[in-house]
């Protein structure tokens, strides 16, 4: 056997010359694969001048020095690349996505953050969806992001990240028909916030936008960072 079974680290052979070359290659692989961090899993062209030790998941259509290496892990080393084959169950922090991903034997998939999961895959999953809404001049306005269909909403929080201006004195946060469900008399200044906790969770059976409504006037500009706090139920797997 010339390589280890799991990480394919090169083994020193009996009476081998320049043993340090083999040992150093094994250490470089270990340095990258232990506590695995991938800069990206979306690149198919090797980045120029990548510092030693950076690792990438090679995307489909690989070219250049990555030709024929689709699906492999490419590790920058001494101006070139070492390659490793990920196995089903490997996990990595993917820097350009800011998320943990798991390899399923064929590719990298997001790791679902679930509260509970059954043996057949039914899921109770708490979620937080954060996004920013850039305020448009005028009156009440819906957000582009929506409360997901069949989501059980526990509340909405918000933070003013660019001061809100206009002729208004305050603003409300809710949905169409209940414009102050998550807060009223909300502040306009930087870091003003809403903490809209519902007394009982509410389920929405279709995608539903939030509504920002000016009080006592109209909006001009501003930006609000919003977070939906909800739970989703996932079905058991197919049979």
Protein backbone atom coordinates (compact mmCIF):
# COMPACT_ATOMS: atom_id res chain seq x y z
CA UNK A 1 0.00 0.00 0.00
CA UNK A 2 1.43 3.38 -1.04
CA UNK A 3 -1.29 5.66 0.42
CA UNK A 4 -3.36 5.72 3.60
CA UNK A 5 -6.94 4.43 3.33
CA UNK A 6 -8.93 7.55 4.26
CA UNK A 7 -6.99 10.71 3.43
CA UNK A 8 -4.75 9.15 0.74
CA UNK A 9 -1.62 10.41 2.47
CA UNK A 10 1.54 9.11 0.80
CA UNK A 11 3.42 6.51 2.82
CA UNK A 12 7.19 6.20 3.04
CA UNK A 13 8.32 3.02 1.30
CA UNK A 14 11.10 0.74 2.38
CA UNK A 15 14.53 1.95 1.27
CA UNK A 16 12.93 5.02 -0.33
CA UNK A 17 15.23 7.90 -1.24
CA UNK A 18 14.38 11.46 -0.19
CA UNK A 19 11.83 10.35 2.38
CA UNK A 20 11.32 13.95 3.47
CA UNK A 21 9.50 14.72 0.18
CA UNK A 22 6.83 12.11 0.91
CA UNK A 23 6.52 13.11 4.56
CA UNK A 24 6.22 16.81 3.70
CA UNK A 25 3.49 16.14 1.13
CA UNK A 26 1.54 14.18 3.72
CA UNK A 27 1.90 17.02 6.24
CA UNK A 28 0.69 19.60 3.68
CA UNK A 29 -2.41 17.50 3.02
CA UNK A 30 -3.09 17.09 6.72
CA UNK A 31 -2.59 20.80 7.32
CA UNK A 32 -5.36 21.56 4.80
CA UNK A 33 -7.78 18.69 5.42
CA UNK A 34 -7.88 18.68 9.23
CA UNK A 35 -10.41 21.35 10.35
CA UNK A 36 -11.23 21.68 6.64
CA UNK A 37 -11.86 25.20 5.31
CA UNK A 38 -12.62 25.70 1.62
CA UNK A 39 -12.33 29.18 0.18
CA UNK A 40 -15.00 28.30 -2.40
CA UNK A 41 -16.78 25.35 -4.00
CA UNK A 42 -17.85 27.41 -7.03
CA UNK A 43 -14.56 27.97 -8.89
CA UNK A 44 -13.58 25.94 -11.94
CA UNK A 45 -10.49 28.02 -12.81
CA UNK A 46 -7.51 28.01 -10.42
CA UNK A 47 -7.08 31.43 -8.77
CA UNK A 48 -3.78 33.11 -9.55
CA UNK A 49 -1.27 33.52 -6.76
CA UNK A 50 -3.19 31.53 -4.14
CA UNK A 51 -1.10 31.37 -0.94
CA UNK A 52 0.12 27.96 0.17
CA UNK A 53 -2.42 26.03 2.22
CA UNK A 54 -5.60 27.54 0.76
CA UNK A 55 -8.08 24.86 -0.34
CA UNK A 56 -10.88 24.92 -2.90
CA UNK A 57 -13.62 22.53 -3.92
CA UNK A 58 -13.16 22.21 -7.68
CA UNK A 59 -16.43 22.96 -9.52
CA UNK A 60 -17.66 21.40 -12.78
CA UNK A 61 -15.89 22.44 -15.96
CA UNK A 62 -12.46 22.57 -14.33
CA UNK A 63 -9.71 24.00 -16.52
CA UNK A 64 -6.06 24.97 -16.40
CA UNK A 65 -4.13 23.22 -13.65
CA UNK A 66 -7.46 21.83 -12.40
CA UNK A 67 -8.38 20.08 -15.66
CA UNK A 68 -9.81 16.65 -14.92
CA UNK A 69 -10.06 17.39 -11.19
CA UNK A 70 -13.77 18.27 -10.94
CA UNK A 71 -15.11 17.33 -7.52
CA UNK A 72 -11.67 17.13 -5.91
CA UNK A 73 -10.21 19.38 -3.22
CA UNK A 74 -7.35 21.49 -4.60
CA UNK A 75 -4.71 22.59 -2.09
CA UNK A 76 -2.29 25.35 -3.07
CA UNK A 77 1.31 24.26 -2.47
CA UNK A 78 4.61 25.75 -3.60
CA UNK A 79 3.19 27.38 -6.73
CA UNK A 80 1.22 24.26 -7.71
CA UNK A 81 -1.64 22.14 -6.46
CA UNK A 82 -2.15 18.97 -4.45
CA UNK A 83 -5.49 17.19 -4.76
CA UNK A 84 -7.60 15.16 -2.36
CA UNK A 85 -10.85 13.28 -2.92
CA UNK A 86 -13.62 14.18 -0.44
CA UNK A 87 -15.69 11.34 0.94
CA UNK A 88 -19.35 11.10 1.83
CA UNK A 89 -19.84 12.82 5.19
CA UNK A 90 -16.88 15.20 5.09
CA UNK A 91 -17.72 18.68 6.36
CA UNK A 92 -16.07 21.98 5.57
CA UNK A 93 -16.50 25.66 6.32
CA UNK A 94 -16.94 27.36 2.93
CA UNK A 95 -15.64 30.90 3.27
CA UNK A 96 -17.35 32.62 0.33
CA UNK A 97 -20.73 31.28 1.45
CA UNK A 98 -20.20 31.86 5.15
CA UNK A 99 -21.69 28.44 5.85
CA UNK A 100 -20.86 24.86 6.72
CA UNK A 101 -21.31 22.32 3.93
CA UNK A 102 -21.28 18.52 3.82
CA UNK A 103 -20.14 16.26 1.01
CA UNK A 104 -22.80 13.69 0.07
CA UNK A 105 -20.58 11.56 -2.14
CA UNK A 106 -21.31 13.54 -5.27
CA UNK A 107 -20.98 17.19 -4.25
CA UNK A 108 -21.02 19.79 -1.49
CA UNK A 109 -24.43 20.49 0.05
CA UNK A 110 -25.50 23.03 2.71
CA UNK A 111 -25.74 21.59 6.21
CA UNK A 112 -29.32 22.08 7.46
CA UNK A 113 -29.51 23.42 10.98
CA UNK A 114 -32.37 21.45 12.46
CA UNK A 115 -33.88 21.20 15.89
CA UNK A 116 -34.89 17.56 15.49
CA UNK A 117 -34.90 14.97 12.73
CA UNK A 118 -36.57 11.56 12.53
CA UNK A 119 -34.94 8.37 11.19
CA UNK A 120 -36.80 8.83 7.87
CA UNK A 121 -35.87 12.49 7.52
CA UNK A 122 -38.88 14.37 8.95
CA UNK A 123 -37.59 17.65 10.34
CA UNK A 124 -38.53 20.30 12.86
CA UNK A 125 -36.26 23.15 11.87
CA UNK A 126 -35.91 26.54 13.58
CA UNK A 127 -34.80 29.19 11.10
CA UNK A 128 -33.68 32.82 11.03
CA UNK A 129 -33.89 34.62 7.68
CA UNK A 130 -32.02 37.94 7.73
CA UNK A 131 -32.14 40.52 4.96
CA UNK A 132 -31.98 44.26 4.39
CA UNK A 133 -34.74 46.47 3.06
CA UNK A 134 -33.72 49.72 1.37
CA UNK A 135 -36.50 52.20 1.98
CA UNK A 136 -38.05 53.86 -1.05
CA UNK A 137 -39.54 57.36 -1.03
CA UNK A 138 -43.24 57.41 -0.27
CA UNK A 139 -45.68 55.54 1.90
CA UNK A 140 -46.17 51.96 3.07
CA UNK A 141 -44.02 49.44 1.22
CA UNK A 142 -43.62 45.65 1.15
CA UNK A 143 -40.30 43.84 1.46
CA UNK A 144 -38.93 41.78 -1.42
CA UNK A 145 -38.10 38.92 0.94
CA UNK A 146 -41.13 37.11 2.32
CA UNK A 147 -42.24 34.98 5.22
CA UNK A 148 -42.03 31.50 3.64
CA UNK A 149 -45.13 29.49 2.90
CA UNK A 150 -46.10 27.12 5.74
CA UNK A 151 -43.65 28.81 8.09
CA UNK A 152 -44.66 29.06 11.75
CA UNK A 153 -43.54 32.56 12.66
CA UNK A 154 -42.50 33.41 16.22
CA UNK A 155 -41.62 37.04 15.59
CA UNK A 156 -39.70 39.61 13.59
CA UNK A 157 -36.78 41.73 14.75
CA UNK A 158 -35.30 44.75 13.01
CA UNK A 159 -32.41 47.19 13.24
CA UNK A 160 -32.02 50.54 11.48
CA UNK A 161 -28.63 50.37 9.74
CA UNK A 162 -28.95 53.62 7.77
CA UNK A 163 -30.97 56.41 9.43
CA UNK A 164 -34.52 56.79 8.15
CA UNK A 165 -35.42 60.23 6.85
CA UNK A 166 -38.57 61.86 5.55
CA UNK A 167 -41.55 63.76 6.94
CA UNK A 168 -42.55 60.84 9.19
CA UNK A 169 -42.22 60.88 12.97
CA UNK A 170 -41.95 57.08 13.40
CA UNK A 171 -42.74 53.88 11.52
CA UNK A 172 -44.59 50.60 11.97
CA UNK A 173 -43.66 47.04 11.04
CA UNK A 174 -46.21 44.37 10.15
CA UNK A 175 -47.96 42.81 7.19
CA UNK A 176 -50.75 44.00 4.93
CA UNK A 177 -53.89 44.30 7.02
CA UNK A 178 -51.94 44.30 10.28
CA UNK A 179 -49.36 47.01 9.70
CA UNK A 180 -48.20 47.25 13.34
CA UNK A 181 -48.15 43.54 14.21
CA UNK A 182 -44.41 43.60 14.96
CA UNK A 183 -44.03 47.14 16.24
CA UNK A 184 -45.31 50.72 16.14
CA UNK A 185 -43.79 54.08 17.04
CA UNK A 186 -40.40 52.73 15.94
CA UNK A 187 -37.34 54.99 15.89
CA UNK A 188 -35.63 56.54 12.88
CA UNK A 189 -32.05 56.86 14.10
CA UNK A 190 -29.14 54.51 13.54
CA UNK A 191 -29.48 51.33 15.64
CA UNK A 192 -33.14 51.95 16.47
CA UNK A 193 -34.81 48.55 16.61
CA UNK A 194 -37.99 46.49 16.69
CA UNK A 195 -38.44 43.39 18.85
CA UNK A 196 -41.69 42.01 17.52
CA UNK A 197 -42.36 38.82 19.52
CA UNK A 198 -45.77 37.27 18.86
CA UNK A 199 -47.88 36.13 21.81
CA UNK A 200 -48.63 32.93 19.87
CA UNK A 201 -46.85 31.63 16.77
CA UNK A 202 -48.62 32.37 13.48
CA UNK A 203 -48.52 30.14 10.42
CA UNK A 204 -48.57 31.67 6.95
CA UNK A 205 -49.84 29.40 4.16
CA UNK A 206 -48.44 31.47 1.33
CA UNK A 207 -45.36 33.66 0.87
CA UNK A 208 -46.07 36.89 2.76
CA UNK A 209 -44.04 40.11 2.61
CA UNK A 210 -43.50 42.36 5.59
CA UNK A 211 -44.82 45.92 5.37
CA UNK A 212 -43.01 49.05 6.57
CA UNK A 213 -45.42 51.94 7.15
CA UNK A 214 -44.46 55.56 7.90
CA UNK A 215 -46.32 57.27 10.76
CA UNK A 216 -47.23 60.96 10.46
CA UNK A 217 -45.68 61.49 7.03
CA UNK A 218 -43.73 59.71 4.31
CA UNK A 219 -40.38 57.95 3.86
CA UNK A 220 -37.45 59.43 1.96
CA UNK A 221 -34.46 57.10 2.49
CA UNK A 222 -33.02 54.63 4.99
CA UNK A 223 -32.14 50.96 5.39
CA UNK A 224 -33.56 48.44 7.85
CA UNK A 225 -32.05 45.02 8.58
CA UNK A 226 -34.85 42.54 9.28
CA UNK A 227 -34.85 39.01 10.67
CA UNK A 228 -37.68 36.50 10.47
CA UNK A 229 -37.70 33.98 13.33
CA UNK A 230 -39.71 30.91 12.35
CA UNK A 231 -39.91 27.13 12.23
CA UNK A 232 -40.42 24.79 9.28
CA UNK A 233 -41.68 21.22 9.22
CA UNK A 234 -40.00 18.84 6.76
CA UNK A 235 -41.73 15.72 5.41
CA UNK A 236 -40.44 12.18 5.94
CA UNK A 237 -38.41 10.90 3.03
CA UNK A 238 -40.02 9.17 0.05
CA UNK A 239 -40.34 5.37 -0.01
